[in-house]
Amino acid sequence: MNIDRDALYIGTFIASLAGAWVLVKYKVEELMKSQQAMFSKLDSINEKVVLTEQEVNGMKREVKELSAYKQKITILEQTTAHHIDLISAEEKFVTRKEFELVVKNLDKDIKELKSGQYEILKFLKKTLGSQNE
């Protein structure tokens, strides 16, 4: 009977080892699948981050260009305000009507620039605000 009992113990031990091996193998496969899914999500997030950084850099460039352009317009406005009056304008332009037309066009252009700048700043605020969330 000792041999039967020892064989039973050995059989139980081998079955336990086989069961443990199957369980460990299953858990490792599940962990590998979840790790691959996480790496895939991480790659997707990294791609989105790179694209967002490129968009932000492009927007920063546009803001710099607009700021430089606004500075030029401001200098032009100051120069116009300080150096042109009606008398010198009449000397520089053929008629008073022509001068009024030029001033009207300048005012229209300045309003359009200010309006466009406001829209761009509003867009940037919206875009940068949504990225922080």
C-alpha atoms as a PDB file:
ATOM      1  CA  MET A   1       0.000   0.000   0.000  1.00  0.00           C
ATOM      2  CA  ASN A   2       2.867   2.336   0.500  1.00  0.00           C
ATOM      3  CA  ILE A   3       3.628   2.277  -3.198  1.00  0.00           C
ATOM      4  CA  ASP A   4       0.021   3.137  -4.088  1.00  0.00           C
ATOM      5  CA  ARG A   5      -0.022   5.962  -1.572  1.00  0.00           C
ATOM      6  CA  ASP A   6       3.322   7.313  -2.827  1.00  0.00           C
ATOM      7  CA  ALA A   7       2.089   7.090  -6.438  1.00  0.00           C
ATOM      8  CA  LEU A   8      -1.057   8.971  -5.428  1.00  0.00           C
ATOM      9  CA  TYR A   9       1.029  11.709  -3.761  1.00  0.00           C
ATOM     10  CA  ILE A  10       3.324  11.954  -6.790  1.00  0.00           C
ATOM     11  CA  GLY A  11       0.300  12.043  -9.154  1.00  0.00           C
ATOM     12  CA  THR A  12      -1.337  14.755  -7.052  1.00  0.00           C
ATOM     13  CA  PHE A  13       1.912  16.735  -6.989  1.00  0.00           C
ATOM     14  CA  ILE A  14       2.345  16.481 -10.785  1.00  0.00           C
ATOM     15  CA  ALA A  15      -1.314  17.462 -11.344  1.00  0.00           C
ATOM     16  CA  SER A  16      -0.841  20.441  -9.020  1.00  0.00           C
ATOM     17  CA  LEU A  17       2.259  21.517 -10.930  1.00  0.00           C
ATOM     18  CA  ALA A  18       0.476  21.154 -14.280  1.00  0.00           C
ATOM     19  CA  GLY A  19      -2.500  23.159 -13.000  1.00  0.00           C
ATOM     20  CA  ALA A  20      -0.241  25.875 -11.630  1.00  0.00           C
ATOM     21  CA  TRP A  21       1.653  26.010 -14.952  1.00  0.00           C
ATOM     22  CA  VAL A  22      -1.603  26.355 -16.930  1.00  0.00           C
ATOM     23  CA  LEU A  23      -2.826  29.098 -14.583  1.00  0.00           C
ATOM     24  CA  VAL A  24       0.462  31.017 -14.791  1.00  0.00           C
ATOM     25  CA  LYS A  25       0.520  30.682 -18.588  1.00  0.00           C
ATOM     26  CA  TYR A  26      -3.064  32.021 -18.820  1.00  0.00           C
ATOM     27  CA  LYS A  27      -2.298  34.984 -16.550  1.00  0.00           C
ATOM     28  CA  VAL A  28       0.880  35.845 -18.488  1.00  0.00           C
ATOM     29  CA  GLU A  29      -1.047  35.781 -21.793  1.00  0.00           C
ATOM     30  CA  GLU A  30      -3.728  38.066 -20.355  1.00  0.00           C
ATOM     31  CA  LEU A  31      -1.086  40.473 -19.047  1.00  0.00           C
ATOM     32  CA  MET A  32       0.653  40.498 -22.443  1.00  0.00           C
ATOM     33  CA  LYS A  33      -2.636  41.336 -24.181  1.00  0.00           C
ATOM     34  CA  SER A  34      -3.361  44.195 -21.782  1.00  0.00           C
ATOM     35  CA  GLN A  35       0.218  45.469 -22.126  1.00  0.00           C
ATOM     36  CA  GLN A  36      -0.082  45.494 -25.926  1.00  0.00           C
ATOM     37  CA  ALA A  37      -3.376  47.386 -25.670  1.00  0.00           C
ATOM     38  CA  MET A  38      -1.780  49.959 -23.333  1.00  0.00           C
ATOM     39  CA  PHE A  39       1.196  50.401 -25.690  1.00  0.00           C
ATOM     40  CA  SER A  40      -1.200  50.911 -28.585  1.00  0.00           C
ATOM     41  CA  LYS A  41      -3.109  53.569 -26.627  1.00  0.00           C
ATOM     42  CA  LEU A  42       0.165  55.219 -25.612  1.00  0.00           C
ATOM     43  CA  ASP A  43       1.307  55.370 -29.251  1.00  0.00           C
ATOM     44  CA  SER A  44      -2.009  56.948 -30.219  1.00  0.00           C
ATOM     45  CA  ILE A  45      -1.714  59.522 -27.438  1.00  0.00           C
ATOM     46  CA  ASN A  46       1.873  60.319 -28.443  1.00  0.00           C
ATOM     47  CA  GLU A  47       0.785  60.897 -32.037  1.00  0.00           C
ATOM     48  CA  LYS A  48      -1.964  63.247 -30.860  1.00  0.00           C
ATOM     49  CA  VAL A  49       0.514  65.120 -28.655  1.00  0.00           C
ATOM     50  CA  VAL A  50       2.933  65.597 -31.548  1.00  0.00           C
ATOM     51  CA  LEU A  51       0.147  66.869 -33.810  1.00  0.00           C
ATOM     52  CA  THR A  52      -1.127  69.202 -31.098  1.00  0.00           C
ATOM     53  CA  GLU A  53       2.368  70.573 -30.478  1.00  0.00           C
ATOM     54  CA  GLN A  54       2.747  71.236 -34.201  1.00  0.00           C
ATOM     55  CA  GLU A  55      -0.601  73.040 -34.266  1.00  0.00           C
ATOM     56  CA  VAL A  56       0.311  75.124 -31.213  1.00  0.00           C
ATOM     57  CA  ASN A  57       3.679  76.045 -32.734  1.00  0.00           C
ATOM     58  CA  GLY A  58       1.923  77.082 -35.942  1.00  0.00           C
ATOM     59  CA  MET A  59      -0.525  79.206 -33.959  1.00  0.00           C
ATOM     60  CA  LYS A  60       2.314  80.796 -32.004  1.00  0.00           C
ATOM     61  CA  ARG A  61       3.999  81.690 -35.293  1.00  0.00           C
ATOM     62  CA  GLU A  62       0.773  83.239 -36.539  1.00  0.00           C
ATOM     63  CA  VAL A  63       0.384  85.233 -33.323  1.00  0.00           C
ATOM     64  CA  LYS A  64       3.961  86.522 -33.649  1.00  0.00           C
ATOM     65  CA  GLU A  65       3.317  87.522 -37.252  1.00  0.00           C
ATOM     66  CA  LEU A  66       0.072  89.241 -36.297  1.00  0.00           C
ATOM     67  CA  SER A  67       1.767  91.014 -33.400  1.00  0.00           C
ATOM     68  CA  ALA A  68       4.521  92.262 -35.694  1.00  0.00           C
ATOM     69  CA  TYR A  69       1.918  93.378 -38.230  1.00  0.00           C
ATOM     70  CA  LYS A  70      -0.128  95.094 -35.508  1.00  0.00           C
ATOM     71  CA  GLN A  71       2.998  96.882 -34.333  1.00  0.00           C
ATOM     72  CA  LYS A  72       3.585  98.129 -37.882  1.00  0.00           C
ATOM     73  CA  ILE A  73      -0.031  99.312 -38.087  1.00  0.00           C
ATOM     74  CA  THR A  74       0.306 101.060 -34.710  1.00  0.00           C
ATOM     75  CA  ILE A  75       3.450 102.847 -35.874  1.00  0.00           C
ATOM     76  CA  LEU A  76       1.652 103.818 -39.084  1.00  0.00           C
ATOM     77  CA  GLU A  77      -1.309 105.130 -37.083  1.00  0.00           C
ATOM     78  CA  GLN A  78       0.969 107.163 -34.803  1.00  0.00           C
ATOM     79  CA  THR A  79       2.953 108.528 -37.738  1.00  0.00           C
ATOM     80  CA  THR A  80      -0.231 109.412 -39.582  1.00  0.00           C
ATOM     81  CA  ALA A  81      -1.746 111.066 -36.533  1.00  0.00           C
ATOM     82  CA  HIS A  82       1.333 113.147 -35.745  1.00  0.00           C
ATOM     83  CA  HIS A  83       2.562 114.107 -39.196  1.00  0.00           C
ATOM     84  CA  ILE A  84      -0.450 114.523 -41.438  1.00  0.00           C
ATOM     85  CA  ASP A  85      -2.940 117.267 -40.893  1.00  0.00           C
ATOM     86  CA  LEU A  86      -5.503 118.606 -43.328  1.00  0.00           C
ATOM     87  CA  ILE A  87      -3.310 121.399 -44.692  1.00  0.00           C
ATOM     88  CA  SER A  88      -0.293 119.183 -45.419  1.00  0.00           C
ATOM     89  CA  ALA A  89      -2.637 116.500 -46.711  1.00  0.00           C
ATOM     90  CA  GLU A  90      -4.095 118.925 -49.223  1.00  0.00           C
ATOM     91  CA  GLU A  91      -0.564 119.714 -50.347  1.00  0.00           C
ATOM     92  CA  LYS A  92       0.329 116.026 -50.718  1.00  0.00           C
ATOM     93  CA  PHE A  93      -2.875 114.898 -52.426  1.00  0.00           C
ATOM     94  CA  VAL A  94      -4.498 116.251 -55.546  1.00  0.00           C
ATOM     95  CA  THR A  95      -7.873 116.975 -53.945  1.00  0.00           C
ATOM     96  CA  ARG A  96      -9.490 116.975 -50.559  1.00  0.00           C
ATOM     97  CA  LYS A  97     -11.901 114.257 -51.768  1.00  0.00           C
ATOM     98  CA  GLU A  98      -8.954 112.001 -52.625  1.00  0.00           C
ATOM     99  CA  PHE A  99      -7.490 112.551 -49.144  1.00  0.00           C
ATOM    100  CA  GLU A 100     -10.816 111.719 -47.512  1.00  0.00           C
ATOM    101  CA  LEU A 101     -11.053 108.572 -49.597  1.00  0.00           C
ATOM    102  CA  VAL A 102      -7.539 107.468 -48.553  1.00  0.00           C
ATOM    103  CA  VAL A 103      -8.313 108.141 -44.868  1.00  0.00           C
ATOM    104  CA  LYS A 104     -11.630 106.292 -45.186  1.00  0.00           C
ATOM    105  CA  ASN A 105      -9.848 103.294 -46.721  1.00  0.00           C
ATOM    106  CA  LEU A 106      -7.200 103.367 -43.982  1.00  0.00           C
ATOM    107  CA  ASP A 107      -9.919 103.388 -41.315  1.00  0.00           C
ATOM    108  CA  LYS A 108     -11.669 100.482 -43.027  1.00  0.00           C
ATOM    109  CA  ASP A 109      -8.415  98.466 -43.238  1.00  0.00           C
ATOM    110  CA  ILE A 110      -7.609  99.143 -39.576  1.00  0.00           C
ATOM    111  CA  LYS A 111     -11.096  98.001 -38.496  1.00  0.00           C
ATOM    112  CA  GLU A 112     -10.735  94.807 -40.536  1.00  0.00           C
ATOM    113  CA  LEU A 113      -7.330  94.098 -38.988  1.00  0.00           C
ATOM    114  CA  LYS A 114      -8.629  94.664 -35.467  1.00  0.00           C
ATOM    115  CA  SER A 115     -11.624  92.436 -36.170  1.00  0.00           C
ATOM    116  CA  GLY A 116      -9.414  89.650 -37.579  1.00  0.00           C
ATOM    117  CA  GLN A 117      -7.037  89.896 -34.642  1.00  0.00           C
ATOM    118  CA  TYR A 118      -9.934  89.564 -32.195  1.00  0.00           C
ATOM    119  CA  GLU A 119     -11.189  86.439 -34.003  1.00  0.00           C
ATOM    120  CA  ILE A 120      -7.733  84.835 -33.951  1.00  0.00           C
ATOM    121  CA  LEU A 121      -7.226  85.569 -30.255  1.00  0.00           C
ATOM    122  CA  LYS A 122     -10.676  84.149 -29.489  1.00  0.00           C
ATOM    123  CA  PHE A 123      -9.818  81.006 -31.486  1.00  0.00           C
ATOM    124  CA  LEU A 124      -6.479  80.613 -29.689  1.00  0.00           C
ATOM    125  CA  LYS A 125      -8.111  81.029 -26.304  1.00  0.00           C
ATOM    126  CA  LYS A 126     -10.700  78.404 -27.176  1.00  0.00           C
ATOM    127  CA  THR A 127      -8.083  75.985 -28.553  1.00  0.00           C
ATOM    128  CA  LEU A 128      -5.597  76.387 -25.719  1.00  0.00           C
ATOM    129  CA  GLY A 129      -8.397  76.240 -23.146  1.00  0.00           C
ATOM    130  CA  SER A 130      -9.671  72.929 -24.512  1.00  0.00           C
ATOM    131  CA  GLN A 131      -6.155  71.447 -24.434  1.00  0.00           C
ATOM    132  CA  ASN A 132      -5.761  72.262 -20.740  1.00  0.00           C
ATOM    133  CA  GLU A 133      -8.902  70.307 -19.905  1.00  0.00           C
END
